[in-house]
């Protein structure tokens, strides 16, 4: 491969190993500990706030050895060791630049999303439709994911009322053609 070209995709056998698999020297960890201590301060609610740079999503970032690392991941790894590859870190305090390891928990990506405040989490917590019908038992329609949308839940009562209104409207528009 030409040295001037950069690779945009790697075959599975040649992919670089995730940072969690790379052995780091004690000197490297000493430098991390010093940098984290120097650029953080206590905040409200027991948070330990990162004062250094942040990425576009609000997570603290730190440059070590020519690479950027997420500061909360380094703090977690200092305390508990590597984060398992299949897990992600959840900020229990909902403060993305918090380094307090008591506020971090390794969970699956799904669990992390459902604990959040986004639309997916809001819909998952929803127990009733906008008209007050319970979204459970026979009144719940679970639609499988499609190519353009994920799985969805619908209220059977509201769906039936919607279908009746639509049918009535269509019948009234085409009544003279049907007689």
Foldseek 3Di string as FASTA:
>chain_A
DDPVDDDPDDDPVPDDDPPLPDDDDPVQLVVLVVQLVVQWDADPPRFTFGNDDADPVQFDWDDDPNDIDGSLQSLLCVPPNHQPPQWDWAQCVPRRRTNPNVRIDTDGPVVNVLVDDDPVVVQVPDQAPPVGHGCDDPQWDWADADPVGHIHIDGNVVVVVVVVVVVVVVCVVCVVVVD
